Structure formats: C-alpha cells, structure tokens
Amino acid sequence: MKIVTDSAAELTQQEMEKYGVITAPLYINFPEGEIKSSDISPDEFYTRLEKMQPNIPTTAQPSSGQFAKLYDQLLENGDPILSVHISSGLSGTINSARVGGEQSSQPSKIQFWDTLTLSGGERFQVLAAAAATKAGWPIEMIMERLAMIREKTEVIYTLETLEYLARGGRIGRVSALLGSLLKLKPVINVAHEDGKYSTVTKVRTIPAALGAICDNLTTVYGNTPVWATILHGKFEKGAEDLAESLKQKLNIAKLEVARISPVLGVHTGPGIVGAAVVPMSLMEDLV
C-alpha cells in the first residue's frame, strides 16, 4: 500500500524516503507567481513575507486533476493507496483528493483519512500509517491506530500577532483588531470534534502564553510518557523556552524542535510557536 499526504504534514525528506511517503504539494501564491511550499526554505519565506507588508500571499491546495494524475501513476504498480491529509476543518485538500480519487482509473483502490489536524499532529498520523504499512499491517489495524492517535494528539500554539490570521481570513478582523489593541497573545488549539481552531485562552505576554500551553498539556497528559514536537516559524527563542518548560512539566520520552511549513506560516507569520504532543505508547511500536 502507498501512503499519500500533503506538505502540511511537515515530514522531512529523510522520513519521506525512509517510509516511501508521496507528498502532494500545497502552493503559495506570491504576486510574481505560484511556488510549491516545499521549494522555499522557512527563512527565505519569512524574509519575503516581511517585505510584502501589509499584504500577504495566498495559499492553494492541489487540484482534483493533480490528485487523479498522482493516483494513476501510483496505481500502475497495482498497490492500493491510503491518502492522509490536513484537517477538512482547515483546508479543502482532502475534498480535492476525494474528487481526484473518483476521477482516477481505479477509485476502489484508494482510501482517505482526515487527520482533523495539521503540522506536527498530521505528521504523527502519516508516520504511523507509513510505518504500519511497511510492517505489513492490514488496513483495518492501520485505521484503528490512526483513530487512536487522532483522538489523543494535542496541537496547541500561540502567536506574537493576530495580523496574519486576520489578513488570511482565518479570524474576524474586528476580533484581531481588538486583540491587537489589548496586546493579547492567544493560545489556540485544534479541536478534536471538527478539526478547527479553538481559542484556549488569551494572555498579555508570550511567557504567559507559553505557560498556558504547558499547563494545558500537563492537564491532558499528566505523567504519561509523550512524544513532543516543538514547532515555530522564525521564533527560536520561544521554541527553546517552550521546550525547556515542557521538559520540566511533562514526562518526555522524545523531544524535537522543527520549523513550521511555509504554507502554514502564511496564516500565522514568523512569531508562531507551539507543540504537537502524542502518547509515546501509540508510536513506539512503529517508529
């Protein structure tokens, strides 16, 4: 079985090669033209983004035709496909994938999985699916494990400014203006129910926001051993501070620090920092 995902899953090139994951590109539309998110480094992207103020680029998902072409190429070898994608509550990517599957030569050989999350949380599910496939798990077992990971994963973050979410239409401009005037730092998670953003709390400073992230994760996981991925745009200091706090408050079995994909950074700006966390017991027998 072949695993297909999208570039919001934050997989490294090494991970894609190790597990044979095929990534459908998400796109960034700059005034001078469209590029694949994977074709620009985070530092280059944020430099260009800051020079564009007050405007920001837009993003686009692969078309159904692109998915159909990709699926047909993979189906030539006779392998079934599991297509695992960014939350349907945040992107139309999986809907485009489903239409592409219907347009393909063998729709019955393609199955789809809505991660109901993004970034590091999506990555956990893609890695689990790919590793389980490599280990020879049947599709029913893979789906069961993905459902458990989806239920038990937390993705939570804060932002230095609400401007980018507002410009991208992700929150109301009035709410963003009010938050900016009050100098509030939101703490946002991805809700399990619908895979959409939900505000956990609003505080006055980044240190307070990082503390709120830690408190939230401690409440969820207690002393359960976890795999934590710290993610940031161009905010290394915030990532380091969050990592140190999580080491003190959580039972960390695995900790890593990574950069947010540029296609997600369009809507958050460089000052995003947060974490994706999953119980280690759901991953350790696979990766």
Protein backbone atom coordinates (compact mmCIF):
# COMPACT_ATOMS: atom_id res chain seq x y z
CA MET A 1 0.00 0.00 0.00
CA LYS A 2 1.19 3.51 -0.82
CA ILE A 3 0.76 6.44 1.58
CA VAL A 4 -0.03 9.85 0.08
CA THR A 5 -0.13 13.04 2.14
CA ASP A 6 0.32 16.80 1.67
CA SER A 7 3.07 19.25 2.55
CA ALA A 8 1.25 20.48 5.68
CA ALA A 9 2.36 17.25 7.38
CA GLU A 10 5.89 18.62 7.98
CA LEU A 11 7.65 15.37 7.02
CA THR A 12 11.38 15.64 6.43
CA GLN A 13 12.95 14.43 3.21
CA GLN A 14 14.59 11.62 5.16
CA GLU A 15 11.23 10.48 6.56
CA MET A 16 9.59 10.51 3.13
CA GLU A 17 12.43 8.45 1.68
CA LYS A 18 12.57 6.02 4.61
CA TYR A 19 8.87 5.19 4.52
CA GLY A 20 8.14 5.83 0.86
CA VAL A 21 5.58 8.55 1.53
CA ILE A 22 4.41 10.53 -1.50
CA THR A 23 3.61 14.18 -0.78
CA ALA A 24 1.16 16.19 -2.85
CA PRO A 25 2.34 19.83 -2.85
CA LEU A 26 0.48 22.75 -1.35
CA TYR A 27 1.13 26.08 -3.05
CA ILE A 28 1.99 29.64 -2.07
CA ASN A 29 0.81 32.36 -4.43
CA PHE A 30 3.15 35.37 -4.43
CA PRO A 31 2.42 38.40 -6.64
CA GLU A 32 5.18 37.27 -9.01
CA GLY A 33 3.87 33.72 -9.29
CA GLU A 34 2.97 30.43 -7.62
CA ILE A 35 5.53 28.14 -5.99
CA LYS A 36 5.38 24.84 -4.16
CA SER A 37 5.66 25.27 -0.40
CA SER A 38 8.46 22.70 -0.36
CA ASP A 39 10.52 24.77 -2.83
CA ILE A 40 11.21 27.61 -0.39
CA SER A 41 13.03 27.43 2.93
CA PRO A 42 11.37 28.85 6.06
CA ASP A 43 13.98 31.62 6.40
CA GLU A 44 13.66 32.68 2.76
CA PHE A 45 9.87 32.57 3.03
CA TYR A 46 9.66 34.76 6.15
CA THR A 47 12.08 37.27 4.66
CA ARG A 48 9.83 37.60 1.62
CA LEU A 49 6.71 37.69 3.81
CA GLU A 50 8.03 40.56 5.93
CA LYS A 51 8.91 42.56 2.80
CA MET A 52 5.33 42.20 1.50
CA GLN A 53 3.68 44.03 4.41
CA PRO A 54 0.87 44.93 4.73
CA ASN A 55 -0.10 42.34 2.12
CA ILE A 56 0.42 38.58 2.41
CA PRO A 57 0.46 35.80 -0.19
CA THR A 58 -2.36 33.31 -0.56
CA THR A 59 -2.27 29.52 -0.47
CA ALA A 60 -3.78 26.84 -2.68
CA GLN A 61 -4.37 23.10 -2.46
CA PRO A 62 -3.65 20.62 -5.27
CA SER A 63 -6.46 20.34 -7.81
CA SER A 64 -8.52 17.19 -8.14
CA GLY A 65 -6.87 16.64 -11.52
CA GLN A 66 -3.43 16.71 -9.92
CA PHE A 67 -4.55 14.13 -7.37
CA ALA A 68 -6.07 11.93 -10.09
CA LYS A 69 -2.82 12.01 -12.07
CA LEU A 70 -0.78 11.21 -8.96
CA TYR A 71 -3.06 8.32 -8.00
CA ASP A 72 -2.97 6.83 -11.51
CA GLN A 73 0.83 6.92 -11.51
CA LEU A 74 0.92 5.01 -8.23
CA LEU A 75 -1.83 2.57 -9.24
CA GLU A 76 0.20 1.39 -12.23
CA ASN A 77 2.12 -0.87 -9.85
CA GLY A 78 -1.10 -2.38 -8.52
CA ASP A 79 -0.74 -1.11 -4.96
CA PRO A 80 -3.76 0.32 -3.10
CA ILE A 81 -3.47 3.86 -1.72
CA LEU A 82 -4.22 5.46 1.63
CA SER A 83 -4.38 9.25 1.29
CA VAL A 84 -3.88 11.01 4.65
CA HIS A 85 -4.49 14.75 4.79
CA ILE A 86 -4.71 18.04 6.66
CA SER A 87 -7.94 18.68 8.58
CA SER A 88 -11.07 19.17 6.49
CA GLY A 89 -11.93 21.87 9.03
CA LEU A 90 -8.96 23.96 7.91
CA SER A 91 -8.43 23.08 4.25
CA GLY A 92 -10.24 21.70 1.24
CA THR A 93 -7.30 19.42 0.42
CA ILE A 94 -8.95 16.13 1.36
CA ASN A 95 -12.08 17.05 -0.57
CA SER A 96 -9.94 17.73 -3.62
CA ALA A 97 -8.21 14.38 -3.04
CA ARG A 98 -11.54 12.53 -2.85
CA VAL A 99 -12.73 14.07 -6.13
CA GLY A 100 -9.39 13.17 -7.67
CA GLY A 101 -9.83 9.62 -6.44
CA GLU A 102 -13.21 9.40 -8.19
CA GLN A 103 -11.57 10.66 -11.39
CA SER A 104 -8.79 8.09 -11.21
CA SER A 105 -8.70 4.82 -13.13
CA GLN A 106 -9.32 2.66 -10.02
CA PRO A 107 -11.30 4.59 -7.38
CA SER A 108 -11.99 1.44 -5.36
CA LYS A 109 -8.28 1.06 -4.57
CA ILE A 110 -8.00 4.46 -2.85
CA GLN A 111 -8.99 5.18 0.75
CA PHE A 112 -8.89 8.54 2.53
CA TRP A 113 -8.14 9.63 6.08
CA ASP A 114 -8.98 13.02 7.55
CA THR A 115 -6.42 13.72 10.29
CA LEU A 116 -8.59 16.53 11.72
CA THR A 117 -5.34 18.34 12.49
CA LEU A 118 -2.24 19.74 10.81
CA SER A 119 1.50 20.24 11.08
CA GLY A 120 3.12 18.07 13.76
CA GLY A 121 -0.18 16.41 14.61
CA GLU A 122 -0.74 15.41 11.00
CA ARG A 123 2.85 14.19 10.83
CA PHE A 124 2.31 11.72 13.68
CA GLN A 125 -0.57 10.10 11.79
CA VAL A 126 1.28 9.98 8.47
CA LEU A 127 4.37 8.45 10.07
CA ALA A 128 2.25 5.85 11.86
CA ALA A 129 0.37 4.94 8.67
CA ALA A 130 3.59 4.67 6.66
CA ALA A 131 5.44 2.64 9.30
CA ALA A 132 2.49 0.30 9.83
CA THR A 133 2.23 -0.21 6.07
CA LYS A 134 5.93 -1.03 5.89
CA ALA A 135 5.45 -3.51 8.74
CA GLY A 136 2.66 -5.26 6.85
CA TRP A 137 -0.32 -4.20 8.96
CA PRO A 138 -3.75 -4.69 7.37
CA ILE A 139 -5.68 -1.54 6.57
CA GLU A 140 -8.20 -2.15 9.38
CA MET A 141 -5.44 -2.13 12.00
CA ILE A 142 -3.88 0.98 10.49
CA MET A 143 -7.16 2.87 10.57
CA GLU A 144 -7.76 1.81 14.17
CA ARG A 145 -4.36 3.10 15.23
CA LEU A 146 -4.81 6.36 13.31
CA ALA A 147 -8.12 6.94 15.09
CA MET A 148 -6.41 6.48 18.46
CA ILE A 149 -3.57 8.86 17.55
CA ARG A 150 -6.05 11.43 16.20
CA GLU A 151 -8.03 11.30 19.45
CA LYS A 152 -5.02 11.54 21.75
CA THR A 153 -2.88 14.14 19.93
CA GLU A 154 -2.84 17.79 21.00
CA VAL A 155 -1.74 20.61 18.70
CA ILE A 156 -1.54 23.93 20.53
CA TYR A 157 0.25 27.20 19.79
CA THR A 158 0.49 30.91 20.38
CA LEU A 159 1.23 33.91 18.16
CA GLU A 160 3.09 37.16 18.60
CA THR A 161 0.45 38.92 16.50
CA LEU A 162 -3.05 38.23 15.16
CA GLU A 163 -2.44 40.24 11.99
CA TYR A 164 -1.67 37.28 9.72
CA LEU A 165 -4.69 35.24 10.79
CA ALA A 166 -6.86 38.29 10.17
CA ARG A 167 -5.40 39.07 6.73
CA GLY A 168 -5.80 35.46 5.70
CA GLY A 169 -9.44 35.48 6.78
CA ARG A 170 -8.87 32.88 9.50
CA ILE A 171 -10.38 35.11 12.20
CA GLY A 172 -12.59 38.18 12.07
CA ARG A 173 -10.83 41.49 11.57
CA VAL A 174 -12.72 43.05 14.47
CA SER A 175 -11.55 40.31 16.81
CA ALA A 176 -8.00 40.70 15.54
CA LEU A 177 -8.10 44.48 15.95
CA LEU A 178 -9.42 44.19 19.49
CA GLY A 179 -6.78 41.61 20.36
CA SER A 180 -4.03 43.79 18.90
CA LEU A 181 -5.20 46.90 20.77
CA LEU A 182 -5.21 44.98 24.03
CA LYS A 183 -1.86 43.37 23.13
CA LEU A 184 -3.32 39.93 23.73
CA LYS A 185 -1.50 36.71 22.90
CA PRO A 186 -3.97 33.95 22.04
CA VAL A 187 -3.41 30.31 22.90
CA ILE A 188 -5.07 28.26 20.16
CA ASN A 189 -5.57 24.53 19.75
CA VAL A 190 -7.07 22.29 17.09
CA ALA A 191 -10.39 20.93 18.33
CA HIS A 192 -10.84 17.17 18.09
CA GLU A 193 -14.53 17.46 17.26
CA ASP A 194 -14.23 19.27 13.93
CA GLY A 195 -10.52 19.86 13.30
CA LYS A 196 -10.91 23.64 13.51
CA TYR A 197 -9.04 26.23 15.57
CA SER A 198 -10.34 26.90 19.06
CA THR A 199 -9.17 29.57 21.50
CA VAL A 200 -7.98 28.11 24.80
CA THR A 201 -7.20 31.43 26.47
CA LYS A 202 -5.80 34.92 25.86
CA VAL A 203 -2.98 36.41 27.91
CA ARG A 204 -0.83 39.53 27.84
CA THR A 205 2.65 38.19 27.14
CA ILE A 206 4.42 35.40 25.27
CA PRO A 207 5.88 33.93 28.50
CA ALA A 208 2.35 33.74 29.92
CA ALA A 209 1.13 32.11 26.69
CA LEU A 210 3.91 29.52 26.83
CA GLY A 211 2.97 28.84 30.44
CA ALA A 212 -0.66 28.35 29.43
CA ILE A 213 0.41 25.87 26.73
CA CYS A 214 2.38 23.89 29.31
CA ASP A 215 -0.49 23.94 31.79
CA ASN A 216 -2.92 22.72 29.14
CA LEU A 217 -0.67 19.86 28.07
CA THR A 218 0.03 18.89 31.68
CA THR A 219 -3.71 18.67 32.32
CA VAL A 220 -4.19 16.46 29.27
CA TYR A 221 -1.23 14.08 29.70
CA GLY A 222 -0.23 14.16 33.36
CA ASN A 223 2.69 11.75 33.79
CA THR A 224 2.03 9.80 30.58
CA PRO A 225 5.23 9.38 28.52
CA VAL A 226 4.85 11.54 25.41
CA TRP A 227 6.50 12.44 22.12
CA ALA A 228 6.57 16.23 21.84
CA THR A 229 7.42 18.20 18.73
CA ILE A 230 8.06 21.91 19.27
CA LEU A 231 7.25 23.94 16.16
CA HIS A 232 7.97 27.56 15.29
CA GLY A 233 8.06 29.94 12.35
CA LYS A 234 11.04 32.20 12.96
CA PHE A 235 10.92 32.31 16.75
CA GLU A 236 13.81 30.21 18.01
CA LYS A 237 13.85 31.79 21.47
CA GLY A 238 10.18 30.96 22.02
CA ALA A 239 10.76 27.38 20.85
CA GLU A 240 13.71 26.96 23.23
CA ASP A 241 11.74 28.36 26.16
CA LEU A 242 8.76 26.12 25.43
CA ALA A 243 11.00 23.06 25.12
CA GLU A 244 12.61 23.74 28.50
CA SER A 245 9.24 24.21 30.17
CA LEU A 246 7.82 21.01 28.70
CA LYS A 247 10.88 19.07 29.89
CA GLN A 248 10.09 20.22 33.42
CA LYS A 249 6.34 19.59 33.36
CA LEU A 250 5.79 16.56 31.11
CA ASN A 251 7.16 13.03 31.04
CA ILE A 252 9.09 13.49 27.79
CA ALA A 253 10.05 10.27 26.03
CA LYS A 254 11.05 12.05 22.80
CA LEU A 255 11.52 15.76 22.12
CA GLU A 256 12.33 17.53 18.87
CA VAL A 257 12.24 21.07 17.52
CA ALA A 258 11.15 21.77 13.94
CA ARG A 259 10.07 24.63 11.68
CA ILE A 260 6.54 25.30 10.54
CA SER A 261 5.97 24.70 6.84
CA PRO A 262 5.88 27.98 4.86
CA VAL A 263 2.39 27.17 3.55
CA LEU A 264 1.12 27.24 7.14
CA GLY A 265 3.29 30.23 8.05
CA VAL A 266 1.36 32.34 5.54
CA HIS A 267 -1.54 32.42 8.01
CA THR A 268 0.45 32.78 11.24
CA GLY A 269 3.51 34.89 10.49
CA PRO A 270 7.00 34.27 11.85
CA GLY A 271 6.03 34.65 15.51
CA ILE A 272 4.27 31.33 15.93
CA VAL A 273 5.43 28.76 18.47
CA GLY A 274 3.65 25.70 19.77
CA ALA A 275 3.72 21.95 20.16
CA ALA A 276 2.27 18.73 18.84
CA VAL A 277 2.13 16.01 21.51
CA VAL A 278 1.09 12.35 21.40
CA PRO A 279 1.35 9.48 23.92
CA MET A 280 4.55 7.58 23.15
CA SER A 281 2.72 4.27 23.54
CA LEU A 282 0.83 4.94 20.30
CA MET A 283 4.03 5.48 18.29
CA GLU A 284 6.86 3.49 19.85
CA ASP A 285 5.97 0.13 18.29
CA LEU A 286 6.06 1.71 14.84
CA VAL A 287 8.69 4.45 14.57
